[in-house]
């Protein structure tokens, strides 16, 4: 595939500017926004590897810093803002709205890929933008930190956890039971055997990428160049499970 150039973008928030890298392949008809957490940023080598693989399958991607430069400096010293899920969620929602306004991504279904505490922000953001977010993937995430918002998430959700990351695995299993606005078929936990929290083991990140790409293909729809016409595949209409609130 031809080399794709990232477009630097800036998004204004009340406390400053968020920096991001946007890549839009020519045939893209869906975009995946990455929500980093736990002191990470758009420069995360793991998320960049996943993003590059998704680009090569036809997705647009947005790698975004959820903290301003000044906030990131503060967080490096205090490690406080990385657990401010409300703040991170506001940034995710801002980015989702921005993608709808940006000409290159306007009208595209949005997928969210969240890692660590960024997964909580992704899920909480999805609950606030049910008409825009079509799917969520969590990698080694903390969906439990989304709190009560889990019960109102309508985007099909895949939770990917390392088999050796036992505490986080239990937290994900519990969080999956709280995604009560989704049919059971739209909530899935995938365990990458012999992988830890960072998926640094040989082949672990490649497995994460394959699982994420499969989930997004199922729920976002993607261009399929190998087909006779290269047409866009429409994702299935989800069937929502009623819940008493």
Protein backbone atom coordinates (compact mmCIF):
# COMPACT_ATOMS: atom_id res chain seq x y z
CA UNK A 1 0.00 0.00 0.00
CA UNK A 2 1.21 3.52 -0.76
CA UNK A 3 2.67 5.49 2.10
CA UNK A 4 0.03 7.54 3.87
CA UNK A 5 0.91 10.96 5.24
CA UNK A 6 -0.43 12.02 8.63
CA UNK A 7 -2.04 15.44 8.76
CA UNK A 8 -1.23 17.32 11.99
CA UNK A 9 -4.40 18.71 13.56
CA UNK A 10 -5.09 20.96 16.52
CA UNK A 11 -8.26 21.09 18.57
CA UNK A 12 -8.98 23.91 20.94
CA UNK A 13 -10.24 23.12 24.44
CA UNK A 14 -10.83 25.55 27.33
CA UNK A 15 -7.36 24.93 28.79
CA UNK A 16 -5.35 25.00 25.57
CA UNK A 17 -4.77 22.87 22.47
CA UNK A 18 -4.91 19.15 21.83
CA UNK A 19 -2.58 17.82 19.14
CA UNK A 20 -3.45 14.95 16.86
CA UNK A 21 -2.39 13.05 13.75
CA UNK A 22 -5.10 12.31 11.19
CA UNK A 23 -4.63 9.81 8.36
CA UNK A 24 -7.37 9.39 5.74
CA UNK A 25 -6.74 6.70 3.09
CA UNK A 26 -8.33 7.50 -0.29
CA UNK A 27 -11.04 4.83 0.03
CA UNK A 28 -11.81 5.41 3.72
CA UNK A 29 -15.48 5.40 4.70
CA UNK A 30 -15.02 5.01 8.48
CA UNK A 31 -12.68 6.55 11.04
CA UNK A 32 -11.17 5.16 14.26
CA UNK A 33 -10.29 7.57 17.06
CA UNK A 34 -7.64 6.43 19.55
CA UNK A 35 -8.09 7.35 23.22
CA UNK A 36 -4.82 6.95 25.11
CA UNK A 37 -4.50 6.71 28.86
CA UNK A 38 -2.17 6.18 31.81
CA UNK A 39 0.43 8.72 30.77
CA UNK A 40 0.48 7.76 27.09
CA UNK A 41 0.03 10.01 24.06
CA UNK A 42 -0.43 9.96 20.30
CA UNK A 43 3.23 8.85 20.10
CA UNK A 44 2.45 5.49 21.77
CA UNK A 45 4.29 2.91 19.63
CA UNK A 46 1.66 0.25 20.34
CA UNK A 47 -1.29 2.39 19.34
CA UNK A 48 0.58 3.71 16.31
CA UNK A 49 1.24 0.14 15.19
CA UNK A 50 -2.46 -0.71 15.51
CA UNK A 51 -3.42 2.52 13.70
CA UNK A 52 -1.06 1.78 10.81
CA UNK A 53 -2.52 -1.68 10.39
CA UNK A 54 -6.06 -0.25 10.36
CA UNK A 55 -5.03 2.35 7.79
CA UNK A 56 -3.76 -0.46 5.57
CA UNK A 57 -7.20 -2.06 5.67
CA UNK A 58 -8.89 1.18 4.60
CA UNK A 59 -9.75 3.02 7.82
CA UNK A 60 -9.05 6.63 8.57
CA UNK A 61 -7.42 7.04 11.99
CA UNK A 62 -7.03 9.86 14.48
CA UNK A 63 -4.29 9.58 17.10
CA UNK A 64 -5.00 12.34 19.61
CA UNK A 65 -3.40 13.64 22.78
CA UNK A 66 -6.20 13.88 25.34
CA UNK A 67 -4.13 16.30 27.45
CA UNK A 68 -2.62 19.64 26.48
CA UNK A 69 1.17 19.95 26.67
CA UNK A 70 0.90 21.78 30.00
CA UNK A 71 -1.51 19.18 31.40
CA UNK A 72 0.78 16.37 30.26
CA UNK A 73 3.69 17.97 32.13
CA UNK A 74 1.54 18.18 35.27
CA UNK A 75 0.43 14.58 34.86
CA UNK A 76 4.01 13.38 34.49
CA UNK A 77 4.71 14.83 37.94
CA UNK A 78 1.47 13.97 39.74
CA UNK A 79 -0.14 11.13 37.71
CA UNK A 80 -3.48 12.72 38.58
CA UNK A 81 -5.03 13.73 35.25
CA UNK A 82 -4.70 10.27 33.70
CA UNK A 83 -7.39 9.13 36.15
CA UNK A 84 -9.66 12.14 35.56
CA UNK A 85 -12.13 10.15 33.45
CA UNK A 86 -14.59 13.05 33.18
CA UNK A 87 -11.87 15.27 31.70
CA UNK A 88 -10.69 12.58 29.29
CA UNK A 89 -14.29 11.86 28.27
CA UNK A 90 -14.88 15.52 27.46
CA UNK A 91 -11.85 15.38 25.18
CA UNK A 92 -13.08 12.24 23.43
CA UNK A 93 -16.49 13.83 22.83
CA UNK A 94 -14.81 16.99 21.51
CA UNK A 95 -12.84 14.86 19.06
CA UNK A 96 -15.91 12.91 17.92
CA UNK A 97 -17.71 16.19 17.23
CA UNK A 98 -14.63 17.56 15.46
CA UNK A 99 -14.48 14.54 13.14
CA UNK A 100 -18.07 15.23 12.12
CA UNK A 101 -17.17 18.81 11.22
CA UNK A 102 -13.88 18.06 9.43
CA UNK A 103 -14.45 17.77 5.66
CA UNK A 104 -12.31 14.66 5.19
CA UNK A 105 -14.20 12.65 7.84
CA UNK A 106 -17.64 14.26 7.82
CA UNK A 107 -20.43 11.70 7.86
CA UNK A 108 -18.13 8.75 8.53
CA UNK A 109 -19.13 6.24 11.22
CA UNK A 110 -16.74 6.51 14.17
CA UNK A 111 -15.03 3.71 16.02
CA UNK A 112 -13.19 4.27 19.30
CA UNK A 113 -10.05 2.38 20.32
CA UNK A 114 -9.23 2.93 23.98
CA UNK A 115 -6.24 1.74 25.98
CA UNK A 116 -5.91 1.65 29.78
CA UNK A 117 -7.85 4.59 31.29
CA UNK A 118 -8.52 5.81 27.75
CA UNK A 119 -10.88 2.85 27.37
CA UNK A 120 -13.04 4.25 30.17
CA UNK A 121 -13.13 7.63 28.43
CA UNK A 122 -13.99 5.92 25.13
CA UNK A 123 -16.93 4.05 26.63
CA UNK A 124 -18.19 7.05 28.53
CA UNK A 125 -17.82 9.15 25.39
CA UNK A 126 -19.74 6.55 23.40
CA UNK A 127 -22.59 6.80 25.91
CA UNK A 128 -22.75 10.55 25.26
CA UNK A 129 -22.66 10.24 21.46
CA UNK A 130 -24.80 7.15 20.71
CA UNK A 131 -25.70 8.45 17.26
CA UNK A 132 -22.07 8.94 16.20
CA UNK A 133 -20.01 6.17 17.79
CA UNK A 134 -20.68 2.85 16.07
CA UNK A 135 -18.17 0.55 17.82
CA UNK A 136 -15.67 0.50 20.70
CA UNK A 137 -12.54 -1.61 21.19
CA UNK A 138 -10.64 -1.64 24.49
CA UNK A 139 -7.02 -2.86 24.77
CA UNK A 140 -5.92 -3.66 28.31
CA UNK A 141 -8.52 -1.13 29.38
CA UNK A 142 -10.20 -0.08 32.58
CA UNK A 143 -13.86 -0.02 31.49
CA UNK A 144 -14.84 -0.24 35.16
CA UNK A 145 -13.79 3.40 35.55
CA UNK A 146 -16.69 4.42 33.27
CA UNK A 147 -19.04 3.92 36.22
CA UNK A 148 -22.76 4.23 35.64
CA UNK A 149 -22.22 5.27 32.02
CA UNK A 150 -21.66 1.61 31.11
CA UNK A 151 -25.39 0.89 31.31
CA UNK A 152 -26.13 3.46 28.59
CA UNK A 153 -23.42 2.51 26.07
CA UNK A 154 -25.09 1.57 22.77
CA UNK A 155 -21.95 0.97 20.68
CA UNK A 156 -20.96 -2.71 20.29
CA UNK A 157 -17.96 -3.23 22.54
CA UNK A 158 -14.95 -5.55 22.33
CA UNK A 159 -12.76 -5.88 25.43
CA UNK A 160 -9.28 -7.26 24.69
CA UNK A 161 -7.26 -8.34 27.73
CA UNK A 162 -3.97 -10.16 28.23
CA UNK A 163 -4.36 -13.60 29.78
CA UNK A 164 -1.62 -12.85 32.31
CA UNK A 165 -3.20 -9.49 33.24
CA UNK A 166 -5.47 -11.22 35.75
CA UNK A 167 -6.68 -8.29 37.84
CA UNK A 168 -7.61 -6.25 34.76
CA UNK A 169 -9.28 -9.31 33.24
CA UNK A 170 -11.61 -9.61 36.24
CA UNK A 171 -12.40 -5.90 36.05
CA UNK A 172 -13.29 -6.31 32.37
CA UNK A 173 -15.50 -9.31 33.05
CA UNK A 174 -17.42 -7.36 35.65
CA UNK A 175 -17.72 -4.29 33.38
CA UNK A 176 -19.06 -6.44 30.52
CA UNK A 177 -22.00 -7.47 32.70
CA UNK A 178 -22.88 -3.78 33.17
CA UNK A 179 -23.21 -3.06 29.43
CA UNK A 180 -26.92 -3.75 29.73
CA UNK A 181 -28.10 -1.57 26.83
CA UNK A 182 -26.36 -3.93 24.40
CA UNK A 183 -27.50 -7.35 23.19
CA UNK A 184 -25.20 -10.10 24.35
CA UNK A 185 -23.84 -10.57 20.83
CA UNK A 186 -22.58 -6.98 20.84
CA UNK A 187 -20.40 -7.42 23.95
CA UNK A 188 -17.35 -9.63 23.75
CA UNK A 189 -14.19 -10.30 25.78
CA UNK A 190 -11.17 -11.65 23.93
CA UNK A 191 -8.26 -12.99 25.95
CA UNK A 192 -4.80 -12.90 24.35
CA UNK A 193 -3.12 -15.88 25.98
CA UNK A 194 0.26 -15.40 27.68
CA UNK A 195 0.09 -11.62 27.21
CA UNK A 196 0.54 -9.02 29.95
CA UNK A 197 -0.94 -5.57 30.35
CA UNK A 198 1.16 -3.94 27.62
CA UNK A 199 0.97 -6.81 25.09
CA UNK A 200 4.73 -6.74 24.64
CA UNK A 201 5.06 -10.49 24.14
CA UNK A 202 5.86 -11.80 20.62
CA UNK A 203 2.74 -11.83 18.47
CA UNK A 204 0.51 -10.30 21.17
CA UNK A 205 0.04 -6.90 19.55
CA UNK A 206 -0.56 -8.51 16.16
CA UNK A 207 -3.37 -10.52 17.76
CA UNK A 208 -4.83 -7.32 19.22
CA UNK A 209 -4.74 -5.72 15.77
CA UNK A 210 -6.47 -8.68 14.13
CA UNK A 211 -9.22 -8.70 16.77
CA UNK A 212 -9.76 -4.94 16.54
CA UNK A 213 -9.86 -4.96 12.75
CA UNK A 214 -12.39 -7.79 12.78
CA UNK A 215 -14.65 -5.94 15.22
CA UNK A 216 -14.52 -2.73 13.24
CA UNK A 217 -15.21 -4.59 9.98
CA UNK A 218 -18.27 -6.10 11.62
CA UNK A 219 -19.75 -2.87 12.94
CA UNK A 220 -18.32 0.03 10.93
CA UNK A 221 -18.27 -1.44 7.45
CA UNK A 222 -15.17 -0.86 5.30
CA UNK A 223 -14.21 -0.62 1.65
CA UNK A 224 -13.40 -4.03 0.19
CA UNK A 225 -11.06 -3.54 -2.78
CA UNK A 226 -10.97 -7.27 -3.48
CA UNK A 227 -14.67 -7.25 -4.40
CA UNK A 228 -15.90 -6.89 -7.97
CA UNK A 229 -16.92 -3.27 -7.47
CA UNK A 230 -14.97 -2.24 -4.39
CA UNK A 231 -18.18 -1.06 -2.76
CA UNK A 232 -18.69 -0.14 0.86
CA UNK A 233 -20.07 -2.87 3.09
CA UNK A 234 -22.83 -1.56 5.32
CA UNK A 235 -22.64 -2.74 8.94
CA UNK A 236 -25.62 -4.63 10.37
CA UNK A 237 -28.30 -2.75 12.25
CA UNK A 238 -27.86 -3.58 15.96
CA UNK A 239 -30.80 -4.88 17.93
CA UNK A 240 -30.96 -3.06 21.24
CA UNK A 241 -31.86 -4.83 24.47
CA UNK A 242 -34.34 -2.92 26.59
CA UNK A 243 -33.35 -1.98 30.12
CA UNK A 244 -35.24 -0.46 33.03
CA UNK A 245 -33.60 2.63 34.48
